[in-house]
């Protein structure tokens, strides 16, 4: 359903929720969208209006956790040409 297809009262409500959730940071936006997709319930989104941006920042809830890095598998057939990992890179045990 598009924003314009909502009744005017719901448009205003959703606009206020969106304005507040954006202030909470990208992670809160993603969490709110995920809940909306899963449940299709504006009241669940409304719950995000009770959150305080400073509280999320203090708890680290305003940002996503660091991205995990993929470690490519070592070529199991060619162990003679292995070079040490660059400085600052930790090797992963196999």
PDB file of N, CA and C in Angstrom:
ATOM      1  N   UNK A   1       0.848  -1.175   0.000  1.00  0.00           N
ATOM      2  CA  UNK A   1       0.000   0.000   0.000  1.00  0.00           C
ATOM      3  C   UNK A   1       0.891   1.236   0.000  1.00  0.00           C
ATOM      4  N   UNK A   2       0.557   2.198  -0.801  1.00  0.00           N
ATOM      5  CA  UNK A   2       1.355   3.420  -0.854  1.00  0.00           C
ATOM      6  C   UNK A   2       0.904   4.393   0.230  1.00  0.00           C
ATOM      7  N   UNK A   3       1.776   5.320   0.542  1.00  0.00           N
ATOM      8  CA  UNK A   3       1.499   6.347   1.543  1.00  0.00           C
ATOM      9  C   UNK A   3       0.228   7.103   1.188  1.00  0.00           C
ATOM     10  N   UNK A   4       0.085   7.472  -0.092  1.00  0.00           N
ATOM     11  CA  UNK A   4      -1.068   8.264  -0.545  1.00  0.00           C
ATOM     12  C   UNK A   4      -2.377   7.491  -0.471  1.00  0.00           C
ATOM     13  N   UNK A   5      -2.317   6.163  -0.447  1.00  0.00           N
ATOM     14  CA  UNK A   5      -3.534   5.353  -0.389  1.00  0.00           C
ATOM     15  C   UNK A   5      -4.098   5.267   1.031  1.00  0.00           C
ATOM     16  N   UNK A   6      -3.300   5.659   2.017  1.00  0.00           N
ATOM     17  CA  UNK A   6      -3.769   5.631   3.404  1.00  0.00           C
ATOM     18  C   UNK A   6      -4.773   6.753   3.641  1.00  0.00           C
ATOM     19  N   UNK A   7      -5.719   6.542   4.561  1.00  0.00           N
ATOM     20  CA  UNK A   7      -6.594   7.650   4.951  1.00  0.00           C
ATOM     21  C   UNK A   7      -5.744   8.798   5.522  1.00  0.00           C
ATOM     22  N   UNK A   8      -6.220  10.010   5.432  1.00  0.00           N
ATOM     23  CA  UNK A   8      -5.427  11.175   5.826  1.00  0.00           C
ATOM     24  C   UNK A   8      -4.938  11.088   7.268  1.00  0.00           C
ATOM     25  N   UNK A   9      -5.775  10.618   8.179  1.00  0.00           N
ATOM     26  CA  UNK A   9      -5.357  10.507   9.579  1.00  0.00           C
ATOM     27  C   UNK A   9      -4.188   9.530   9.722  1.00  0.00           C
ATOM     28  N   UNK A  10      -4.244   8.433   8.977  1.00  0.00           N
ATOM     29  CA  UNK A  10      -3.149   7.453   9.017  1.00  0.00           C
ATOM     30  C   UNK A  10      -1.886   8.019   8.363  1.00  0.00           C
ATOM     31  N   UNK A  11      -2.045   8.818   7.313  1.00  0.00           N
ATOM     32  CA  UNK A  11      -0.890   9.470   6.690  1.00  0.00           C
ATOM     33  C   UNK A  11      -0.172  10.358   7.700  1.00  0.00           C
ATOM     34  N   UNK A  12      -0.939  11.138   8.417  1.00  0.00           N
ATOM     35  CA  UNK A  12      -0.341  12.047   9.410  1.00  0.00           C
ATOM     36  C   UNK A  12       0.325  11.246  10.512  1.00  0.00           C
ATOM     37  N   UNK A  13      -0.331  10.198  10.976  1.00  0.00           N
ATOM     38  CA  UNK A  13       0.243   9.343  12.025  1.00  0.00           C
ATOM     39  C   UNK A  13       1.547   8.714  11.554  1.00  0.00           C
ATOM     40  N   UNK A  14       1.537   8.161  10.349  1.00  0.00           N
ATOM     41  CA  UNK A  14       2.737   7.532   9.805  1.00  0.00           C
ATOM     42  C   UNK A  14       3.849   8.559   9.600  1.00  0.00           C
ATOM     43  N   UNK A  15       3.490   9.744   9.161  1.00  0.00           N
ATOM     44  CA  UNK A  15       4.494  10.797   8.983  1.00  0.00           C
ATOM     45  C   UNK A  15       5.161  11.131  10.305  1.00  0.00           C
ATOM     46  N   UNK A  16       4.394  11.254  11.369  1.00  0.00           N
ATOM     47  CA  UNK A  16       4.971  11.565  12.691  1.00  0.00           C
ATOM     48  C   UNK A  16       5.863  10.432  13.183  1.00  0.00           C
ATOM     49  N   UNK A  17       5.431   9.190  12.964  1.00  0.00           N
ATOM     50  CA  UNK A  17       6.253   8.043  13.347  1.00  0.00           C
ATOM     51  C   UNK A  17       7.558   8.068  12.570  1.00  0.00           C
ATOM     52  N   UNK A  18       7.474   8.286  11.258  1.00  0.00           N
ATOM     53  CA  UNK A  18       8.669   8.287  10.402  1.00  0.00           C
ATOM     54  C   UNK A  18       9.642   9.383  10.819  1.00  0.00           C
ATOM     55  N   UNK A  19       9.125  10.571  11.091  1.00  0.00           N
ATOM     56  CA  UNK A  19      10.001  11.675  11.514  1.00  0.00           C
ATOM     57  C   UNK A  19      10.758  11.309  12.782  1.00  0.00           C
ATOM     58  N   UNK A  20      10.069  10.658  13.706  1.00  0.00           N
ATOM     59  CA  UNK A  20      10.718  10.295  14.969  1.00  0.00           C
ATOM     60  C   UNK A  20      11.713   9.147  14.783  1.00  0.00           C
ATOM     61  N   UNK A  21      11.303   8.118  14.060  1.00  0.00           N
ATOM     62  CA  UNK A  21      12.171   6.947  13.898  1.00  0.00           C
ATOM     63  C   UNK A  21      13.455   7.317  13.160  1.00  0.00           C
ATOM     64  N   UNK A  22      13.376   8.213  12.197  1.00  0.00           N
ATOM     65  CA  UNK A  22      14.580   8.650  11.477  1.00  0.00           C
ATOM     66  C   UNK A  22      15.577   9.275  12.445  1.00  0.00           C
ATOM     67  N   UNK A  23      15.100   9.996  13.431  1.00  0.00           N
ATOM     68  CA  UNK A  23      15.988  10.595  14.435  1.00  0.00           C
ATOM     69  C   UNK A  23      16.681   9.538  15.284  1.00  0.00           C
ATOM     70  N   UNK A  24      16.118   8.344  15.357  1.00  0.00           N
ATOM     71  CA  UNK A  24      16.701   7.271  16.157  1.00  0.00           C
ATOM     72  C   UNK A  24      17.894   6.614  15.476  1.00  0.00           C
ATOM     73  N   UNK A  25      18.073   6.841  14.190  1.00  0.00           N
ATOM     74  CA  UNK A  25      19.211   6.288  13.474  1.00  0.00           C
ATOM     75  C   UNK A  25      18.817   5.170  12.536  1.00  0.00           C
ATOM     76  N   UNK A  26      19.761   4.788  11.659  1.00  0.00           N
ATOM     77  CA  UNK A  26      19.458   3.811  10.614  1.00  0.00           C
ATOM     78  C   UNK A  26      19.073   2.432  11.140  1.00  0.00           C
ATOM     79  N   UNK A  27      19.642   2.038  12.268  1.00  0.00           N
ATOM     80  CA  UNK A  27      19.289   0.711  12.777  1.00  0.00           C
ATOM     81  C   UNK A  27      17.827   0.683  13.216  1.00  0.00           C
ATOM     82  N   UNK A  28      17.381   1.723  13.904  1.00  0.00           N
ATOM     83  CA  UNK A  28      15.985   1.770  14.340  1.00  0.00           C
ATOM     84  C   UNK A  28      15.042   1.808  13.132  1.00  0.00           C
ATOM     85  N   UNK A  29      15.454   2.507  12.082  1.00  0.00           N
ATOM     86  CA  UNK A  29      14.638   2.537  10.863  1.00  0.00           C
ATOM     87  C   UNK A  29      14.498   1.117  10.315  1.00  0.00           C
ATOM     88  N   UNK A  30      15.605   0.405  10.225  1.00  0.00           N
ATOM     89  CA  UNK A  30      15.571  -0.963   9.701  1.00  0.00           C
ATOM     90  C   UNK A  30      14.733  -1.879  10.592  1.00  0.00           C
ATOM     91  N   UNK A  31      14.881  -1.747  11.910  1.00  0.00           N
ATOM     92  CA  UNK A  31      14.103  -2.574  12.837  1.00  0.00           C
ATOM     93  C   UNK A  31      12.612  -2.281  12.682  1.00  0.00           C
ATOM     94  N   UNK A  32      12.257  -1.002  12.585  1.00  0.00           N
ATOM     95  CA  UNK A  32      10.849  -0.622  12.445  1.00  0.00           C
ATOM     96  C   UNK A  32      10.274  -1.150  11.134  1.00  0.00           C
ATOM     97  N   UNK A  33      11.046  -1.024  10.063  1.00  0.00           N
ATOM     98  CA  UNK A  33      10.575  -1.531   8.774  1.00  0.00           C
ATOM     99  C   UNK A  33      10.400  -3.044   8.799  1.00  0.00           C
ATOM    100  N   UNK A  34      11.331  -3.732   9.449  1.00  0.00           N
ATOM    101  CA  UNK A  34      11.234  -5.191   9.545  1.00  0.00           C
ATOM    102  C   UNK A  34       9.975  -5.600  10.306  1.00  0.00           C
ATOM    103  N   UNK A  35       9.694  -4.887  11.399  1.00  0.00           N
ATOM    104  CA  UNK A  35       8.477  -5.193  12.152  1.00  0.00           C
ATOM    105  C   UNK A  35       7.235  -4.901  11.327  1.00  0.00           C
ATOM    106  N   UNK A  36       7.257  -3.790  10.614  1.00  0.00           N
ATOM    107  CA  UNK A  36       6.108  -3.425   9.789  1.00  0.00           C
ATOM    108  C   UNK A  36       5.862  -4.480   8.717  1.00  0.00           C
ATOM    109  N   UNK A  37       6.931  -4.954   8.104  1.00  0.00           N
ATOM    110  CA  UNK A  37       6.792  -5.980   7.076  1.00  0.00           C
ATOM    111  C   UNK A  37       6.280  -7.289   7.661  1.00  0.00           C
ATOM    112  N   UNK A  38       6.777  -7.623   8.841  1.00  0.00           N
ATOM    113  CA  UNK A  38       6.405  -8.894   9.453  1.00  0.00           C
ATOM    114  C   UNK A  38       4.968  -8.904   9.969  1.00  0.00           C
ATOM    115  N   UNK A  39       4.506  -7.751  10.448  1.00  0.00           N
ATOM    116  CA  UNK A  39       3.216  -7.732  11.132  1.00  0.00           C
ATOM    117  C   UNK A  39       2.168  -6.832  10.480  1.00  0.00           C
ATOM    118  N   UNK A  40       2.611  -5.889   9.659  1.00  0.00           N
ATOM    119  CA  UNK A  40       1.666  -4.986   9.022  1.00  0.00           C
ATOM    120  C   UNK A  40       0.806  -4.237  10.021  1.00  0.00           C
ATOM    121  N   UNK A  41       1.404  -3.834  11.124  1.00  0.00           N
ATOM    122  CA  UNK A  41       0.652  -3.246  12.223  1.00  0.00           C
ATOM    123  C   UNK A  41       1.237  -1.885  12.588  1.00  0.00           C
ATOM    124  N   UNK A  42       0.484  -0.812  12.336  1.00  0.00           N
ATOM    125  CA  UNK A  42       0.960   0.539  12.628  1.00  0.00           C
ATOM    126  C   UNK A  42       1.214   0.731  14.126  1.00  0.00           C
ATOM    127  N   UNK A  43       0.483   0.020  14.988  1.00  0.00           N
ATOM    128  CA  UNK A  43       0.710   0.156  16.430  1.00  0.00           C
ATOM    129  C   UNK A  43       2.114  -0.304  16.814  1.00  0.00           C
ATOM    130  N   UNK A  44       2.641  -1.310  16.118  1.00  0.00           N
ATOM    131  CA  UNK A  44       4.021  -1.735  16.388  1.00  0.00           C
ATOM    132  C   UNK A  44       4.995  -0.618  16.038  1.00  0.00           C
ATOM    133  N   UNK A  45       4.744   0.064  14.923  1.00  0.00           N
ATOM    134  CA  UNK A  45       5.593   1.195  14.555  1.00  0.00           C
ATOM    135  C   UNK A  45       5.445   2.326  15.562  1.00  0.00           C
ATOM    136  N   UNK A  46       4.239   2.528  16.030  1.00  0.00           N
ATOM    137  CA  UNK A  46       3.972   3.584  17.010  1.00  0.00           C
ATOM    138  C   UNK A  46       4.830   3.398  18.262  1.00  0.00           C
ATOM    139  N   UNK A  47       5.136   2.166  18.614  1.00  0.00           N
ATOM    140  CA  UNK A  47       5.958   1.894  19.796  1.00  0.00           C
ATOM    141  C   UNK A  47       7.338   2.547  19.686  1.00  0.00           C
ATOM    142  N   UNK A  48       7.830   2.731  18.465  1.00  0.00           N
ATOM    143  CA  UNK A  48       9.134   3.364  18.281  1.00  0.00           C
ATOM    144  C   UNK A  48       9.117   4.837  18.684  1.00  0.00           C
ATOM    145  N   UNK A  49       7.940   5.443  18.720  1.00  0.00           N
ATOM    146  CA  UNK A  49       7.847   6.845  19.131  1.00  0.00           C
ATOM    147  C   UNK A  49       8.126   7.009  20.617  1.00  0.00           C
ATOM    148  N   UNK A  50       8.078   5.924  21.373  1.00  0.00           N
ATOM    149  CA  UNK A  50       8.385   6.001  22.809  1.00  0.00           C
ATOM    150  C   UNK A  50       9.880   5.953  23.074  1.00  0.00           C
ATOM    151  N   UNK A  51      10.658   5.609  22.074  1.00  0.00           N
ATOM    152  CA  UNK A  51      12.109   5.549  22.244  1.00  0.00           C
ATOM    153  C   UNK A  51      12.712   6.947  22.203  1.00  0.00           C
ATOM    154  N   UNK A  52      13.805   7.110  22.923  1.00  0.00           N
ATOM    155  CA  UNK A  52      14.498   8.395  22.993  1.00  0.00           C
ATOM    156  C   UNK A  52      15.835   8.239  22.269  1.00  0.00           C
ATOM    157  N   UNK A  53      16.133   9.121  21.278  1.00  0.00           N
ATOM    158  CA  UNK A  53      17.385   8.978  20.523  1.00  0.00           C
ATOM    159  C   UNK A  53      18.627   8.908  21.414  1.00  0.00           C
ATOM    160  N   UNK A  54      18.678   9.724  22.445  1.00  0.00           N
ATOM    161  CA  UNK A  54      19.857   9.734  23.326  1.00  0.00           C
ATOM    162  C   UNK A  54      20.026   8.398  24.053  1.00  0.00           C
ATOM    163  N   UNK A  55      18.909   7.752  24.388  1.00  0.00           N
ATOM    164  CA  UNK A  55      18.975   6.449  25.047  1.00  0.00           C
ATOM    165  C   UNK A  55      19.570   5.411  24.095  1.00  0.00           C
ATOM    166  N   UNK A  56      19.094   5.425  22.845  1.00  0.00           N
ATOM    167  CA  UNK A  56      19.629   4.467  21.879  1.00  0.00           C
ATOM    168  C   UNK A  56      21.114   4.712  21.628  1.00  0.00           C
ATOM    169  N   UNK A  57      21.515   5.976  21.528  1.00  0.00           N
ATOM    170  CA  UNK A  57      22.921   6.302  21.302  1.00  0.00           C
ATOM    171  C   UNK A  57      23.770   5.798  22.459  1.00  0.00           C
ATOM    172  N   UNK A  58      23.311   6.039  23.679  1.00  0.00           N
ATOM    173  CA  UNK A  58      24.072   5.612  24.861  1.00  0.00           C
ATOM    174  C   UNK A  58      24.217   4.096  24.928  1.00  0.00           C
ATOM    175  N   UNK A  59      23.217   3.376  24.437  1.00  0.00           N
ATOM    176  CA  UNK A  59      23.241   1.912  24.498  1.00  0.00           C
ATOM    177  C   UNK A  59      23.806   1.279  23.226  1.00  0.00           C
ATOM    178  N   UNK A  60      24.179   2.108  22.247  1.00  0.00           N
ATOM    179  CA  UNK A  60      24.700   1.584  20.991  1.00  0.00           C
ATOM    180  C   UNK A  60      23.614   1.052  20.076  1.00  0.00           C
ATOM    181  N   UNK A  61      22.356   1.377  20.358  1.00  0.00           N
ATOM    182  CA  UNK A  61      21.253   0.876  19.561  1.00  0.00           C
ATOM    183  C   UNK A  61      20.900   1.748  18.379  1.00  0.00           C
ATOM    184  N   UNK A  62      21.682   2.813  18.160  1.00  0.00           N
ATOM    185  CA  UNK A  62      21.396   3.707  17.035  1.00  0.00           C
ATOM    186  C   UNK A  62      22.153   3.329  15.779  1.00  0.00           C
ATOM    187  N   UNK A  63      23.064   2.393  15.887  1.00  0.00           N
ATOM    188  CA  UNK A  63      23.897   2.012  14.743  1.00  0.00           C
ATOM    189  C   UNK A  63      23.923   0.494  14.621  1.00  0.00           C
ATOM    190  N   UNK A  64      24.210   0.048  13.429  1.00  0.00           N
ATOM    191  CA  UNK A  64      24.334  -1.379  13.190  1.00  0.00           C
ATOM    192  C   UNK A  64      25.656  -1.873  13.770  1.00  0.00           C
ATOM    193  N   UNK A  65      25.733  -3.148  14.149  1.00  0.00           N
ATOM    194  CA  UNK A  65      27.019  -3.693  14.585  1.00  0.00           C
ATOM    195  C   UNK A  65      27.989  -3.704  13.410  1.00  0.00           C
ATOM    196  N   UNK A  66      29.285  -3.781  13.679  1.00  0.00           N
ATOM    197  CA  UNK A  66      30.255  -3.823  12.575  1.00  0.00           C
ATOM    198  C   UNK A  66      29.939  -4.982  11.642  1.00  0.00           C
ATOM    199  N   UNK A  67      30.191  -4.750  10.370  1.00  0.00           N
ATOM    200  CA  UNK A  67      29.946  -5.807   9.385  1.00  0.00           C
ATOM    201  C   UNK A  67      30.965  -6.919   9.555  1.00  0.00           C
ATOM    202  N   UNK A  68      30.493  -8.134   9.477  1.00  0.00           N
ATOM    203  CA  UNK A  68      31.398  -9.283   9.536  1.00  0.00           C
ATOM    204  C   UNK A  68      32.152  -9.362   8.220  1.00  0.00           C
ATOM    205  N   UNK A  69      33.400  -9.730   8.297  1.00  0.00           N
ATOM    206  CA  UNK A  69      34.197  -9.866   7.079  1.00  0.00           C
ATOM    207  C   UNK A  69      34.282 -11.334   6.703  1.00  0.00           C
ATOM    208  N   UNK A  70      34.134 -11.600   5.435  1.00  0.00           N
ATOM    209  CA  UNK A  70      34.259 -12.957   4.945  1.00  0.00           C
ATOM    210  C   UNK A  70      35.741 -13.283   4.762  1.00  0.00           C
ATOM    211  N   UNK A  71      36.133 -14.426   5.244  1.00  0.00           N
ATOM    212  CA  UNK A  71      37.507 -14.888   5.062  1.00  0.00           C
ATOM    213  C   UNK A  71      37.474 -15.935   3.970  1.00  0.00           C
ATOM    214  N   UNK A  72      38.139 -15.658   2.834  1.00  0.00           N
ATOM    215  CA  UNK A  72      38.106 -16.647   1.750  1.00  0.00           C
ATOM    216  C   UNK A  72      38.807 -17.931   2.178  1.00  0.00           C
ATOM    217  N   UNK A  73      38.293 -19.071   1.733  1.00  0.00           N
ATOM    218  CA  UNK A  73      38.940 -20.329   2.105  1.00  0.00           C
ATOM    219  C   UNK A  73      40.315 -20.419   1.462  1.00  0.00           C
ATOM    220  N   UNK A  74      41.241 -21.021   2.193  1.00  0.00           N
ATOM    221  CA  UNK A  74      42.600 -21.219   1.661  1.00  0.00           C
ATOM    222  C   UNK A  74      42.555 -22.329   0.620  1.00  0.00           C
ATOM    223  N   UNK A  75      43.411 -22.223  -0.370  1.00  0.00           N
ATOM    224  CA  UNK A  75      43.523 -23.272  -1.381  1.00  0.00           C
ATOM    225  C   UNK A  75      44.170 -24.480  -0.722  1.00  0.00           C
ATOM    226  N   UNK A  76      43.441 -25.526  -0.559  1.00  0.00           N
ATOM    227  CA  UNK A  76      43.934 -26.700   0.163  1.00  0.00           C
ATOM    228  C   UNK A  76      44.994 -27.466  -0.615  1.00  0.00           C
ATOM    229  N   UNK A  77      45.125 -27.217  -1.923  1.00  0.00           N
ATOM    230  CA  UNK A  77      46.067 -27.965  -2.745  1.00  0.00           C
ATOM    231  C   UNK A  77      47.422 -27.293  -2.865  1.00  0.00           C
ATOM    232  N   UNK A  78      47.551 -26.072  -2.415  1.00  0.00           N
ATOM    233  CA  UNK A  78      48.793 -25.329  -2.632  1.00  0.00           C
ATOM    234  C   UNK A  78      49.229 -24.655  -1.340  1.00  0.00           C
ATOM    235  N   UNK A  79      49.773 -25.434  -0.412  1.00  0.00           N
ATOM    236  CA  UNK A  79      50.197 -24.902   0.875  1.00  0.00           C
ATOM    237  C   UNK A  79      51.602 -24.324   0.847  1.00  0.00           C
ATOM    238  N   UNK A  80      52.361 -24.566  -0.222  1.00  0.00           N
ATOM    239  CA  UNK A  80      53.750 -24.101  -0.288  1.00  0.00           C
ATOM    240  C   UNK A  80      53.850 -22.602  -0.504  1.00  0.00           C
ATOM    241  N   UNK A  81      52.868 -21.986  -1.132  1.00  0.00           N
ATOM    242  CA  UNK A  81      52.951 -20.572  -1.489  1.00  0.00           C
ATOM    243  C   UNK A  81      52.268 -19.651  -0.489  1.00  0.00           C
ATOM    244  N   UNK A  82      51.940 -20.156   0.695  1.00  0.00           N
ATOM    245  CA  UNK A  82      51.243 -19.312   1.666  1.00  0.00           C
ATOM    246  C   UNK A  82      52.165 -18.207   2.147  1.00  0.00           C
ATOM    247  N   UNK A  83      51.624 -17.024   2.195  1.00  0.00           N
ATOM    248  CA  UNK A  83      52.361 -15.884   2.716  1.00  0.00           C
ATOM    249  C   UNK A  83      51.754 -15.495   4.044  1.00  0.00           C
ATOM    250  N   UNK A  84      52.561 -14.904   4.929  1.00  0.00           N
ATOM    251  CA  UNK A  84      51.989 -14.485   6.205  1.00  0.00           C
ATOM    252  C   UNK A  84      50.934 -13.397   5.984  1.00  0.00           C
ATOM    253  N   UNK A  85      49.989 -13.360   6.885  1.00  0.00           N
ATOM    254  CA  UNK A  85      48.931 -12.351   6.800  1.00  0.00           C
ATOM    255  C   UNK A  85      49.541 -10.955   6.985  1.00  0.00           C
ATOM    256  N   UNK A  86      49.015  -9.937   6.298  1.00  0.00           N
ATOM    257  CA  UNK A  86      49.512  -8.582   6.477  1.00  0.00           C
ATOM    258  C   UNK A  86      49.370  -8.156   7.932  1.00  0.00           C
ATOM    259  N   UNK A  87      50.214  -7.211   8.334  1.00  0.00           N
ATOM    260  CA  UNK A  87      50.207  -6.737   9.709  1.00  0.00           C
ATOM    261  C   UNK A  87      48.813  -6.207  10.070  1.00  0.00           C
ATOM    262  N   UNK A  88      48.315  -6.562  11.248  1.00  0.00           N
ATOM    263  CA  UNK A  88      47.007  -6.128  11.687  1.00  0.00           C
ATOM    264  C   UNK A  88      45.881  -7.074  11.304  1.00  0.00           C
ATOM    265  N   UNK A  89      46.192  -8.088  10.465  1.00  0.00           N
ATOM    266  CA  UNK A  89      45.186  -9.076  10.061  1.00  0.00           C
ATOM    267  C   UNK A  89      45.444 -10.361  10.824  1.00  0.00           C
ATOM    268  N   UNK A  90      44.450 -10.840  11.496  1.00  0.00           N
ATOM    269  CA  UNK A  90      44.595 -12.050  12.280  1.00  0.00           C
ATOM    270  C   UNK A  90      44.206 -13.245  11.440  1.00  0.00           C
ATOM    271  N   UNK A  91      45.029 -14.275  11.447  1.00  0.00           N
ATOM    272  CA  UNK A  91      44.714 -15.476  10.696  1.00  0.00           C
ATOM    273  C   UNK A  91      43.669 -16.270  11.451  1.00  0.00           C
ATOM    274  N   UNK A  92      42.820 -16.947  10.714  1.00  0.00           N
ATOM    275  CA  UNK A  92      41.764 -17.764  11.303  1.00  0.00           C
ATOM    276  C   UNK A  92      42.198 -19.208  11.254  1.00  0.00           C
ATOM    277  N   UNK A  93      42.056 -19.906  12.370  1.00  0.00           N
ATOM    278  CA  UNK A  93      42.439 -21.319  12.431  1.00  0.00           C
ATOM    279  C   UNK A  93      41.500 -22.134  11.552  1.00  0.00           C
ATOM    280  N   UNK A  94      42.054 -23.136  10.907  1.00  0.00           N
ATOM    281  CA  UNK A  94      41.236 -24.010  10.035  1.00  0.00           C
ATOM    282  C   UNK A  94      40.884 -25.267  10.739  1.00  0.00           C
TER     283      UNK A  94
END
